[in-house]
Amino acid sequence: MSPPEIGLVLDERYRLDEHVSEGGTSVVFAARDAFDDVATAVKVLRPELISEPWLVRHFFDEAIFNRRIQHLGVLPIRDFGLSQEGHFFLAMELVAGQRLDRAIKERGGFEFDLVINLARALLNTLHAVHLEGIAHLDLKPENLMMVGQRLQLFDFGNALRLGEQLPEGTPFMGTPSYMAPEWILDRRALAATDLYAVGLILAEALLGQTVVDGPTPDATLMSQIHDPFPYERLLAVCAPARRGRFQLFLSRMLAKNHEARFQTALEALRFLEEHLVVRPVPLPPREPSEKDRGEREEREAAAALRRAAPAVDASAERLAANPQLAAPEVALVVVRLESPDPARVRSDLETVFEAWKDRAVETGALLVGDTGTELRLVYGWESPLDAVRVIRQVRALWSGLGGEHAPRSRVSFSLGVGVAVGRVFHDRDEEEGLPSILAESPVVLAVRLAALQKGNSVIANERAWLAVQDLVDATPLAPIRVRESAHLEPVYAIRGMKKAPPPARPAAPRPAASR
């Protein structure tokens, strides 16, 4: 799968207008939300990383963690899910504000009273984060936005549950200039780890430059572990009457041993309230443009319309009003072929594909589409669904392509396979073609799952996995949300069979529907 490009309308909703930034795991775009017509920031997981289950889970943890924290100091995520193009994404409002790192750079540092006010705001937000059992673990000025007179925290991409430890061999997460010693050495998420980063942010806001910044990332990490903090640089810009109390505060934030620090954000906040009372200083102003004001009015009008619209469960309403509806449980299997020359690959491997299709149809599957690059088969429409048979036949396709006597393609290729089990609703009294029935069902999730994983595995939704869990080795990827479904849908990467499943018994034909 290729990465998203400028101009793409992601999931038929977000038009990607501008590349904003990129990190090790994701790319951020400025976009336009076609539903609400508002400016949006869209974060997309790099396509080459979707085969790493822990990264996919971690990417969606960001959205799940963010939504658990109901606090004005946290920039909320508005939407997240798996797009029709197969991209994992998060969407948040593109606010009219200024990042703290840019404000510090422009002004060369802030006055002391403003820094203490920033400390109060950040610790207040951090207290709410920690109360939800979450450690942010990437606190830095780049992840703080000054929006009006509010300081907002965003980017929970490195967040973990408090007490959680990264497994051995997991890539390092975070920014060396703001990492606490215990995170570098032990990689365990603690509340005190975030407080260490807050201390460094405050020092940077006061001095106008990063305080711990070695010539290389490794040198910076070693400095965090071993070098004493340069308090003398900070005290030189503090009024004499406040130097002692401010140094005591920072020493409790920046102790190398986490047990010597404040243990909670609330404890640090109480120290400020008791020992460092300062006058309220407003954040540096950033006047909103006419465009900002216009977009805010549009957002407010759109929100008012949404609040006024009644919530309707279309499926429940349709079933209640139409007793003649049928709802068989089916499995949709989608096989997607990707290659620089898919026609050549398909020609080279046609004997394998044709044999596989014939076998599937012989055992009760319905072929509902074959474009050459995408195959769609439905199981369970004419006879009861046997999910074990579905997984066995998908595995048989891999065996046919990788067997000793299998034909070889002259062009490189990859296959993505998605399997989704669900119920499809249709009217017995209407002549509806199966493809159109499936197009209106959550079972089309399989189309998206097929875009996620290349190689010797299958991506299946939870209902498919539950039917075969005793027979397969599977890795949970993440709970995802798709446009057709209001709930989170857990999906699994099925790696292979644990043991040979028992032979499937011939299925009894499904009774014909009465008309």
Protein backbone atom coordinates (compact mmCIF):
# COMPACT_ATOMS: atom_id res chain seq x y z
CA MET A 1 0.00 0.00 0.00
CA SER A 2 1.34 3.44 -0.91
CA PRO A 3 1.26 6.31 1.62
CA PRO A 4 -1.52 8.90 1.28
CA GLU A 5 -0.84 11.86 -0.99
CA ILE A 6 -1.94 15.48 -1.04
CA GLY A 7 -5.36 15.72 -2.68
CA LEU A 8 -6.62 12.34 -1.44
CA VAL A 9 -10.07 12.40 0.16
CA LEU A 10 -9.48 9.97 3.00
CA ASP A 11 -12.47 7.78 3.82
CA GLU A 12 -14.67 9.97 1.57
CA ARG A 13 -14.43 12.66 4.26
CA TYR A 14 -11.01 14.23 4.87
CA ARG A 15 -9.40 16.06 1.93
CA LEU A 16 -5.64 16.10 2.55
CA ASP A 17 -4.51 19.63 1.64
CA GLU A 18 -1.04 20.03 3.12
CA HIS A 19 1.76 18.02 4.66
CA VAL A 20 2.35 19.33 8.21
CA SER A 21 4.89 17.05 9.86
CA GLU A 22 6.07 13.47 10.13
CA GLY A 23 7.56 11.25 12.78
CA GLY A 24 8.92 7.75 13.01
CA THR A 25 5.50 6.10 12.91
CA SER A 26 3.07 8.57 11.35
CA VAL A 27 2.50 11.48 8.99
CA VAL A 28 0.31 14.50 9.82
CA PHE A 29 -1.71 16.41 7.22
CA ALA A 30 -3.78 19.58 7.30
CA ALA A 31 -7.14 18.55 5.90
CA ARG A 32 -10.71 19.65 5.36
CA ASP A 33 -13.56 17.71 6.95
CA ALA A 34 -16.24 17.44 4.26
CA PHE A 35 -18.91 16.48 6.83
CA ASP A 36 -18.54 19.63 8.95
CA ASP A 37 -16.49 21.79 6.54
CA VAL A 38 -13.86 22.56 9.19
CA ALA A 39 -10.07 22.58 9.20
CA THR A 40 -8.76 19.28 10.57
CA ALA A 41 -5.41 17.72 11.41
CA VAL A 42 -5.25 14.09 10.22
CA LYS A 43 -2.57 11.74 11.53
CA VAL A 44 -1.96 8.61 9.43
CA LEU A 45 0.03 5.55 10.49
CA ARG A 46 2.82 4.79 8.02
CA PRO A 47 1.64 1.96 5.72
CA GLU A 48 4.87 0.00 6.09
CA LEU A 49 4.22 -0.33 9.85
CA ILE A 50 0.75 -1.88 9.77
CA SER A 51 2.27 -5.37 9.90
CA GLU A 52 3.52 -4.62 13.47
CA PRO A 53 0.61 -5.49 15.79
CA TRP A 54 1.99 -3.61 18.79
CA LEU A 55 2.36 -0.43 16.70
CA VAL A 56 -1.21 -0.64 15.44
CA ARG A 57 -2.50 -1.15 18.98
CA HIS A 58 -0.35 1.72 20.22
CA PHE A 59 -1.58 4.03 17.45
CA PHE A 60 -5.20 3.50 18.47
CA ASP A 61 -4.35 3.68 22.15
CA GLU A 62 -3.63 7.36 21.44
CA ALA A 63 -7.25 7.93 20.43
CA ILE A 64 -8.67 5.76 23.21
CA PHE A 65 -6.52 7.43 25.89
CA ASN A 66 -7.34 10.89 24.54
CA ARG A 67 -11.09 10.28 24.67
CA ARG A 68 -10.90 9.08 28.25
CA ILE A 69 -9.47 12.43 29.40
CA GLN A 70 -12.26 14.99 29.55
CA HIS A 71 -10.22 18.11 30.30
CA LEU A 72 -9.94 21.52 28.66
CA GLY A 73 -6.16 21.20 28.74
CA VAL A 74 -6.20 18.24 26.32
CA LEU A 75 -6.76 18.82 22.60
CA PRO A 76 -9.49 16.27 21.77
CA ILE A 77 -9.44 13.72 18.96
CA ARG A 78 -12.69 14.00 16.98
CA ASP A 79 -12.55 10.83 14.90
CA PHE A 80 -10.43 7.74 14.38
CA GLY A 81 -10.68 4.50 12.50
CA LEU A 82 -9.67 2.52 9.46
CA SER A 83 -10.30 4.31 6.17
CA GLN A 84 -11.75 2.71 3.07
CA GLU A 85 -8.27 2.98 1.53
CA GLY A 86 -6.83 0.84 4.33
CA HIS A 87 -5.13 3.64 6.32
CA PHE A 88 -5.27 3.84 10.11
CA PHE A 89 -5.96 7.49 10.97
CA LEU A 90 -6.78 9.94 13.75
CA ALA A 91 -8.50 13.28 13.15
CA MET A 92 -8.54 16.32 15.42
CA GLU A 93 -9.55 19.92 15.04
CA LEU A 94 -6.85 22.13 13.52
CA VAL A 95 -6.94 24.89 16.14
CA ALA A 96 -5.87 28.49 15.66
CA GLY A 97 -3.01 28.61 18.15
CA GLN A 98 0.76 28.59 18.47
CA ARG A 99 2.99 25.74 19.56
CA LEU A 100 4.89 26.47 22.75
CA ASP A 101 8.29 25.71 21.20
CA ARG A 102 7.74 28.32 18.48
CA ALA A 103 6.57 30.91 21.01
CA ILE A 104 9.68 30.31 23.15
CA LYS A 105 11.93 30.63 20.12
CA GLU A 106 10.25 33.85 18.95
CA ARG A 107 10.48 35.54 22.36
CA GLY A 108 13.78 34.09 23.57
CA GLY A 109 12.16 32.87 26.78
CA PHE A 110 9.33 34.06 29.06
CA GLU A 111 9.25 36.11 32.23
CA PHE A 112 9.28 34.21 35.52
CA ASP A 113 5.62 34.81 36.48
CA LEU A 114 4.40 33.55 33.10
CA VAL A 115 6.53 30.39 33.43
CA ILE A 116 4.97 29.63 36.82
CA ASN A 117 1.49 30.17 35.36
CA LEU A 118 2.37 27.74 32.56
CA ALA A 119 3.54 25.26 35.19
CA ARG A 120 0.19 25.49 37.00
CA ALA A 121 -1.77 24.95 33.78
CA LEU A 122 0.35 22.01 32.67
CA LEU A 123 0.34 20.31 36.08
CA ASN A 124 -3.43 20.73 36.30
CA THR A 125 -3.84 18.97 32.95
CA LEU A 126 -1.31 16.31 33.85
CA HIS A 127 -3.19 15.56 37.06
CA ALA A 128 -6.29 14.77 34.96
CA VAL A 129 -4.22 12.55 32.64
CA HIS A 130 -2.70 10.58 35.52
CA LEU A 131 -6.09 10.17 37.22
CA GLU A 132 -7.14 8.17 34.15
CA GLY A 133 -4.15 5.85 34.70
CA ILE A 134 -2.18 7.23 31.73
CA ALA A 135 1.40 8.46 31.40
CA HIS A 136 1.99 10.79 28.42
CA LEU A 137 5.74 10.02 28.08
CA ASP A 138 6.40 12.59 25.33
CA LEU A 139 5.91 15.89 27.09
CA LYS A 140 7.83 18.64 25.28
CA PRO A 141 7.12 22.17 24.00
CA GLU A 142 6.31 20.80 20.51
CA ASN A 143 3.33 18.92 22.02
CA LEU A 144 1.83 21.93 23.78
CA MET A 145 -0.39 24.44 22.00
CA MET A 146 -1.25 27.93 23.24
CA VAL A 147 -4.89 28.42 22.17
CA GLY A 148 -6.21 31.78 23.31
CA GLN A 149 -5.49 31.84 27.05
CA ARG A 150 -5.38 28.07 27.32
CA LEU A 151 -2.41 25.69 27.19
CA GLN A 152 -3.46 22.44 25.51
CA LEU A 153 -1.60 19.13 25.47
CA PHE A 154 -1.77 16.82 22.46
CA ASP A 155 -0.03 13.85 20.79
CA PHE A 156 -0.57 10.85 23.05
CA GLY A 157 1.29 8.72 20.50
CA ASN A 158 3.82 7.49 23.09
CA ALA A 159 1.40 7.18 26.01
CA LEU A 160 1.22 4.03 28.11
CA ARG A 161 -0.80 2.92 31.08
CA LEU A 162 0.80 3.87 34.39
CA GLY A 163 3.04 1.05 35.56
CA GLU A 164 3.26 -0.52 32.08
CA GLN A 165 6.72 -1.47 30.85
CA LEU A 166 7.78 -1.68 27.23
CA PRO A 167 8.71 -5.24 26.26
CA GLU A 168 12.33 -6.13 25.55
CA GLY A 169 13.28 -5.29 21.98
CA THR A 170 10.55 -2.67 21.52
CA PRO A 171 11.88 0.43 19.71
CA PHE A 172 12.67 3.35 22.00
CA MET A 173 9.94 6.01 22.24
CA GLY A 174 10.27 9.66 23.19
CA THR A 175 12.56 12.66 22.76
CA PRO A 176 15.99 12.38 24.44
CA SER A 177 16.08 16.04 25.60
CA TYR A 178 13.00 15.41 27.80
CA MET A 179 13.49 11.77 28.89
CA ALA A 180 13.78 10.87 32.55
CA PRO A 181 16.63 8.57 33.65
CA GLU A 182 14.32 5.72 34.76
CA TRP A 183 12.54 5.75 31.38
CA ILE A 184 15.87 5.47 29.58
CA LEU A 185 17.10 2.64 31.82
CA ASP A 186 13.93 0.73 32.72
CA ARG A 187 11.26 1.92 30.25
CA ARG A 188 8.50 1.78 32.85
CA ALA A 189 5.71 4.38 32.71
CA LEU A 190 5.50 6.42 35.93
CA ALA A 191 3.76 9.67 36.85
CA ALA A 192 7.13 10.99 38.06
CA THR A 193 8.53 10.39 34.54
CA ASP A 194 6.14 13.02 33.15
CA LEU A 195 7.02 15.42 35.97
CA TYR A 196 10.71 15.26 34.99
CA ALA A 197 9.75 16.42 31.48
CA VAL A 198 7.65 19.26 32.93
CA GLY A 199 10.68 20.50 34.85
CA LEU A 200 12.74 20.59 31.65
CA ILE A 201 9.94 22.38 29.75
CA LEU A 202 9.77 25.09 32.43
CA ALA A 203 13.54 25.55 32.36
CA GLU A 204 13.42 25.89 28.57
CA ALA A 205 10.57 28.41 28.75
CA LEU A 206 12.61 30.52 31.17
CA LEU A 207 15.96 30.33 29.35
CA GLY A 208 14.67 30.36 25.78
CA GLN A 209 16.61 27.24 24.75
CA THR A 210 16.71 23.49 25.30
CA VAL A 211 18.57 22.73 28.52
CA VAL A 212 19.74 19.11 27.93
CA ASP A 213 20.88 18.82 24.33
CA GLY A 214 24.02 16.79 23.56
CA PRO A 215 25.79 16.55 20.20
CA THR A 216 24.10 13.18 19.52
CA PRO A 217 20.94 11.47 20.84
CA ASP A 218 23.08 8.95 22.76
CA ALA A 219 25.09 11.76 24.35
CA THR A 220 21.85 13.47 25.40
CA LEU A 221 20.59 10.26 27.00
CA MET A 222 23.84 9.83 28.92
CA SER A 223 23.60 13.43 30.10
CA GLN A 224 20.08 12.82 31.41
CA ILE A 225 21.33 9.85 33.43
CA HIS A 226 24.62 11.20 34.79
CA ASP A 227 25.10 14.99 34.47
CA PRO A 228 23.95 17.36 37.22
CA PHE A 229 21.35 19.89 36.20
CA PRO A 230 22.76 23.42 35.49
CA TYR A 231 20.69 25.31 38.06
CA GLU A 232 23.05 28.29 37.99
CA ARG A 233 21.86 29.21 34.48
CA LEU A 234 18.27 29.39 35.67
CA LEU A 235 18.89 31.17 38.94
CA ALA A 236 20.65 33.98 37.10
CA VAL A 237 17.34 35.02 35.54
CA CYS A 238 15.29 34.72 38.76
CA ALA A 239 14.69 37.50 41.26
CA PRO A 240 16.84 36.89 44.40
CA ALA A 241 13.77 36.55 46.63
CA ARG A 242 12.51 33.60 44.57
CA ARG A 243 15.69 31.74 43.73
CA GLY A 244 15.74 29.41 46.72
CA ARG A 245 12.09 28.31 46.42
CA PHE A 246 12.32 27.90 42.65
CA GLN A 247 15.48 25.79 42.92
CA LEU A 248 13.78 23.63 45.56
CA PHE A 249 10.79 23.17 43.25
CA LEU A 250 12.94 22.22 40.26
CA SER A 251 15.14 19.92 42.33
CA ARG A 252 11.98 17.99 43.29
CA MET A 253 10.96 17.84 39.61
CA LEU A 254 14.36 16.94 38.17
CA ALA A 255 15.88 14.55 40.70
CA LYS A 256 17.73 11.74 38.92
CA ASN A 257 16.10 9.21 41.27
CA HIS A 258 12.37 9.25 40.56
CA GLU A 259 11.60 8.41 44.19
CA ALA A 260 13.09 11.78 45.22
CA ARG A 261 10.70 13.72 42.92
CA PHE A 262 7.16 14.84 43.51
CA GLN A 263 5.18 11.65 43.03
CA THR A 264 2.05 13.28 41.61
CA ALA A 265 1.20 16.37 39.59
CA LEU A 266 -1.17 17.41 42.39
CA GLU A 267 1.71 17.34 44.91
CA ALA A 268 3.80 19.59 42.64
CA LEU A 269 0.83 21.91 42.07
CA ARG A 270 0.27 22.28 45.82
CA PHE A 271 3.91 23.24 46.29
CA LEU A 272 3.49 26.06 43.75
CA GLU A 273 0.31 27.27 45.44
CA GLU A 274 2.01 27.40 48.84
CA HIS A 275 5.51 28.62 47.98
CA LEU A 276 5.55 30.36 44.58
CA VAL A 277 2.55 32.66 44.39
CA VAL A 278 2.87 34.94 41.37
CA ARG A 279 0.65 37.48 39.64
CA PRO A 280 -1.55 36.10 36.84
CA VAL A 281 0.13 36.83 33.52
CA PRO A 282 -1.80 36.26 30.27
CA LEU A 283 -0.30 34.10 27.56
CA PRO A 284 1.28 36.02 24.68
CA PRO A 285 -1.61 37.01 22.40
CA ARG A 286 -2.17 35.61 18.96
CA GLU A 287 -4.93 37.55 17.29
CA PRO A 288 -7.31 35.31 15.31
CA SER A 289 -7.57 36.06 11.62
CA GLU A 290 -10.83 36.66 9.77
CA LYS A 291 -10.51 33.09 8.47
CA ASP A 292 -10.20 31.76 12.03
CA ARG A 293 -13.30 33.66 13.16
CA GLY A 294 -15.31 32.54 10.15
CA GLU A 295 -14.37 28.89 10.66
CA ARG A 296 -15.31 29.08 14.34
CA GLU A 297 -18.76 30.42 13.47
CA GLU A 298 -19.19 27.63 10.89
CA ARG A 299 -18.18 25.00 13.45
CA GLU A 300 -20.61 26.33 16.01
CA ALA A 301 -23.47 26.35 13.48
CA ALA A 302 -22.66 22.78 12.38
CA ALA A 303 -22.50 21.62 16.01
CA ALA A 304 -25.90 23.19 16.71
CA LEU A 305 -27.43 21.31 13.77
CA ARG A 306 -25.93 18.01 14.98
CA ARG A 307 -27.29 18.54 18.48
CA ALA A 308 -30.75 19.23 17.07
CA ALA A 309 -30.78 16.12 14.85
CA PRO A 310 -32.41 13.07 16.52
CA ALA A 311 -30.23 10.00 16.88
CA VAL A 312 -31.63 7.10 14.84
CA ASP A 313 -30.57 3.47 14.92
CA ALA A 314 -31.26 2.71 11.25
CA SER A 315 -30.83 -1.05 11.59
CA ALA A 316 -33.14 -1.41 14.59
CA GLU A 317 -35.72 0.87 13.01
CA ARG A 318 -35.65 -1.11 9.75
CA LEU A 319 -36.03 -4.47 11.51
CA ALA A 320 -38.88 -3.26 13.68
CA ALA A 321 -40.75 -1.90 10.68
CA ASN A 322 -40.05 -4.89 8.41
CA PRO A 323 -40.67 -8.30 10.04
CA GLN A 324 -39.99 -10.00 6.69
CA LEU A 325 -36.30 -9.09 6.82
CA ALA A 326 -33.78 -11.95 6.85
CA ALA A 327 -30.42 -11.72 8.60
CA PRO A 328 -28.18 -14.69 7.75
CA GLU A 329 -24.67 -14.81 9.19
CA VAL A 330 -22.09 -14.85 6.40
CA ALA A 331 -18.34 -14.54 5.93
CA LEU A 332 -16.96 -12.27 3.24
CA VAL A 333 -13.43 -13.10 2.08
CA VAL A 334 -11.57 -10.45 0.10
CA VAL A 335 -8.21 -11.22 -1.53
CA ARG A 336 -6.38 -8.14 -2.79
CA LEU A 337 -3.38 -8.43 -5.11
CA GLU A 338 -0.87 -5.59 -5.23
CA SER A 339 2.00 -5.46 -7.72
CA PRO A 340 3.70 -3.10 -10.19
CA ASP A 341 2.17 -5.31 -12.90
CA PRO A 342 -0.88 -7.10 -11.43
CA ALA A 343 -2.08 -8.35 -14.82
CA ARG A 344 1.21 -10.20 -15.36
CA VAL A 345 1.11 -11.68 -11.85
CA ARG A 346 -2.46 -12.85 -12.30
CA SER A 347 -1.57 -14.42 -15.64
CA ASP A 348 1.44 -16.22 -14.15
CA LEU A 349 -0.56 -17.57 -11.20
CA GLU A 350 -3.93 -18.10 -12.84
CA THR A 351 -3.88 -21.87 -12.35
CA VAL A 352 -3.58 -21.42 -8.57
CA PHE A 353 -6.33 -18.81 -8.38
CA GLU A 354 -8.72 -20.75 -10.61
CA ALA A 355 -8.21 -24.00 -8.68
CA TRP A 356 -8.78 -22.16 -5.41
CA LYS A 357 -11.96 -20.46 -6.66
CA ASP A 358 -13.32 -23.73 -8.03
CA ARG A 359 -12.72 -25.53 -4.73
CA ALA A 360 -14.37 -22.70 -2.76
CA VAL A 361 -17.46 -22.71 -4.99
CA GLU A 362 -17.68 -26.53 -4.79
CA THR A 363 -17.87 -26.27 -1.00
CA GLY A 364 -20.62 -23.67 -0.88
CA ALA A 365 -18.98 -20.26 -1.44
CA LEU A 366 -20.44 -17.71 -3.84
CA LEU A 367 -18.08 -15.76 -6.08
CA VAL A 368 -19.39 -12.17 -6.04
CA GLY A 369 -16.50 -10.38 -7.68
CA ASP A 370 -13.19 -10.88 -9.49
CA THR A 371 -11.57 -7.80 -10.98
CA GLY A 372 -8.20 -9.42 -11.49
CA THR A 373 -6.71 -7.54 -8.56
CA GLU A 374 -9.48 -8.24 -6.04
CA LEU A 375 -11.46 -11.42 -5.38
CA ARG A 376 -14.61 -11.52 -3.24
CA LEU A 377 -16.22 -14.72 -1.96
CA VAL A 378 -19.24 -15.07 0.33
CA TYR A 379 -19.68 -18.10 2.57
CA GLY A 380 -22.89 -18.92 4.42
CA TRP A 381 -25.41 -17.48 1.99
CA GLU A 382 -26.87 -20.73 0.63
CA SER A 383 -25.85 -23.04 3.49
CA PRO A 384 -24.95 -22.50 7.17
CA LEU A 385 -21.63 -20.77 7.70
CA ASP A 386 -18.63 -22.95 8.61
CA ALA A 387 -15.93 -20.49 9.69
CA VAL A 388 -13.33 -23.25 10.08
CA ARG A 389 -13.78 -24.18 6.43
CA VAL A 390 -13.34 -20.51 5.45
CA ILE A 391 -9.98 -20.22 7.25
CA ARG A 392 -8.82 -23.59 5.90
CA GLN A 393 -9.54 -22.49 2.34
CA VAL A 394 -7.78 -19.16 2.83
CA ARG A 395 -4.74 -21.03 4.13
CA ALA A 396 -4.99 -23.34 1.12
CA LEU A 397 -4.51 -20.33 -1.15
CA TRP A 398 -1.20 -19.56 0.59
CA SER A 399 -0.16 -23.20 0.31
CA GLY A 400 -0.96 -23.21 -3.40
CA LEU A 401 1.17 -20.11 -3.97
CA GLY A 402 4.09 -21.34 -1.87
CA GLY A 403 4.08 -25.06 -2.58
CA GLU A 404 6.99 -26.92 -4.10
CA HIS A 405 5.28 -27.29 -7.50
CA ALA A 406 3.45 -23.96 -7.48
CA PRO A 407 3.91 -21.67 -10.51
CA ARG A 408 6.18 -18.68 -10.03
CA SER A 409 5.48 -15.11 -11.05
CA ARG A 410 8.06 -13.08 -12.93
CA VAL A 411 6.87 -9.92 -11.14
CA SER A 412 6.96 -9.18 -7.39
CA PHE A 413 3.59 -9.11 -5.66
CA SER A 414 1.88 -9.23 -2.29
CA LEU A 415 -1.53 -10.43 -1.20
CA GLY A 416 -3.76 -9.01 1.49
CA VAL A 417 -6.60 -11.17 2.78
CA GLY A 418 -9.48 -9.93 4.90
CA VAL A 419 -12.16 -12.13 6.48
CA ALA A 420 -15.20 -10.61 8.18
CA VAL A 421 -18.12 -12.49 9.70
CA GLY A 422 -21.38 -10.69 10.31
CA ARG A 423 -25.09 -10.60 9.59
CA VAL A 424 -26.54 -9.10 6.44
CA PHE A 425 -30.08 -7.79 6.40
CA HIS A 426 -32.22 -8.13 3.31
CA ASP A 427 -35.87 -8.13 2.37
CA ARG A 428 -37.19 -11.56 1.37
CA ASP A 429 -39.93 -9.90 -0.67
CA GLU A 430 -37.57 -7.88 -2.86
CA GLU A 431 -35.26 -9.01 -5.62
CA GLU A 432 -31.95 -7.75 -4.31
CA GLY A 433 -28.69 -8.87 -5.79
CA LEU A 434 -26.16 -10.19 -3.29
CA PRO A 435 -23.48 -7.57 -4.12
CA SER A 436 -25.91 -4.74 -3.38
CA ILE A 437 -27.00 -6.39 -0.12
CA LEU A 438 -23.40 -6.72 0.99
CA ALA A 439 -22.66 -3.12 0.06
CA GLU A 440 -25.08 -2.00 2.77
CA SER A 441 -23.68 -4.27 5.48
CA PRO A 442 -20.88 -3.99 8.06
CA VAL A 443 -19.45 -7.12 6.45
CA VAL A 444 -17.73 -4.83 3.92
CA LEU A 445 -15.19 -4.45 6.71
CA ALA A 446 -13.38 -7.31 4.97
CA VAL A 447 -12.55 -5.03 2.06
CA ARG A 448 -10.62 -2.78 4.40
CA LEU A 449 -8.98 -5.58 6.33
CA ALA A 450 -7.56 -6.95 3.07
CA ALA A 451 -5.54 -3.76 2.68
CA LEU A 452 -3.84 -4.06 6.06
CA GLN A 453 -1.45 -6.97 5.93
CA LYS A 454 0.76 -8.37 3.22
CA GLY A 455 2.43 -11.74 3.47
CA ASN A 456 1.52 -15.07 4.98
CA SER A 457 -1.35 -14.01 7.21
CA VAL A 458 -5.02 -13.14 7.23
CA ILE A 459 -6.73 -10.23 8.97
CA ALA A 460 -10.08 -11.25 10.50
CA ASN A 461 -12.68 -9.51 12.62
CA GLU A 462 -13.56 -10.74 16.10
CA ARG A 463 -16.58 -12.84 15.09
CA ALA A 464 -14.47 -14.75 12.58
CA TRP A 465 -11.69 -15.27 15.11
CA LEU A 466 -14.05 -16.46 17.86
CA ALA A 467 -15.32 -19.22 15.57
CA VAL A 468 -11.81 -20.62 14.99
CA GLN A 469 -9.84 -19.46 18.05
CA ASP A 470 -9.08 -23.00 19.24
CA LEU A 471 -7.54 -23.90 15.90
CA VAL A 472 -5.45 -20.90 14.88
CA ASP A 473 -2.52 -18.83 16.08
CA ALA A 474 -3.64 -15.20 16.06
CA THR A 475 -2.35 -11.84 17.27
CA PRO A 476 -4.79 -9.07 18.26
CA LEU A 477 -4.09 -5.96 16.21
CA ALA A 478 -6.37 -3.24 17.57
CA PRO A 479 -9.95 -2.22 18.17
CA ILE A 480 -10.81 -0.18 15.09
CA ARG A 481 -13.81 1.81 14.02
CA VAL A 482 -15.25 1.82 10.53
CA ARG A 483 -17.76 4.19 9.04
CA GLU A 484 -20.51 1.56 8.81
CA SER A 485 -20.25 0.64 12.48
CA ALA A 486 -20.74 2.75 15.59
CA HIS A 487 -18.76 0.41 17.84
CA LEU A 488 -15.11 -0.56 18.01
CA GLU A 489 -14.37 -3.74 16.07
CA PRO A 490 -11.44 -5.85 17.35
CA VAL A 491 -9.41 -7.40 14.53
CA TYR A 492 -6.80 -10.17 14.55
CA ALA A 493 -3.86 -11.26 12.41
CA ILE A 494 -4.20 -15.02 11.89
CA ARG A 495 -0.73 -16.49 11.39
CA GLY A 496 -1.49 -20.17 10.89
CA MET A 497 -3.29 -23.26 12.10
CA LYS A 498 -2.46 -24.74 15.51
CA LYS A 499 -3.49 -28.22 14.42
CA ALA A 500 -5.36 -29.88 11.63
CA PRO A 501 -9.07 -29.12 12.09
CA PRO A 502 -11.57 -31.99 11.90
CA PRO A 503 -13.05 -32.58 8.46
CA ALA A 504 -16.08 -30.43 7.88
CA ARG A 505 -19.38 -32.29 7.64
CA PRO A 506 -21.54 -31.65 4.58
CA ALA A 507 -23.80 -28.75 5.39
CA ALA A 508 -27.55 -29.11 5.07
CA PRO A 509 -29.04 -26.80 2.48
CA ARG A 510 -30.67 -23.65 3.82
CA PRO A 511 -34.51 -23.81 3.53
CA ALA A 512 -35.82 -21.59 0.78
CA ALA A 513 -37.22 -18.30 2.02
CA SER A 514 -40.99 -18.03 1.85
CA ARG A 515 -42.43 -15.32 -0.30
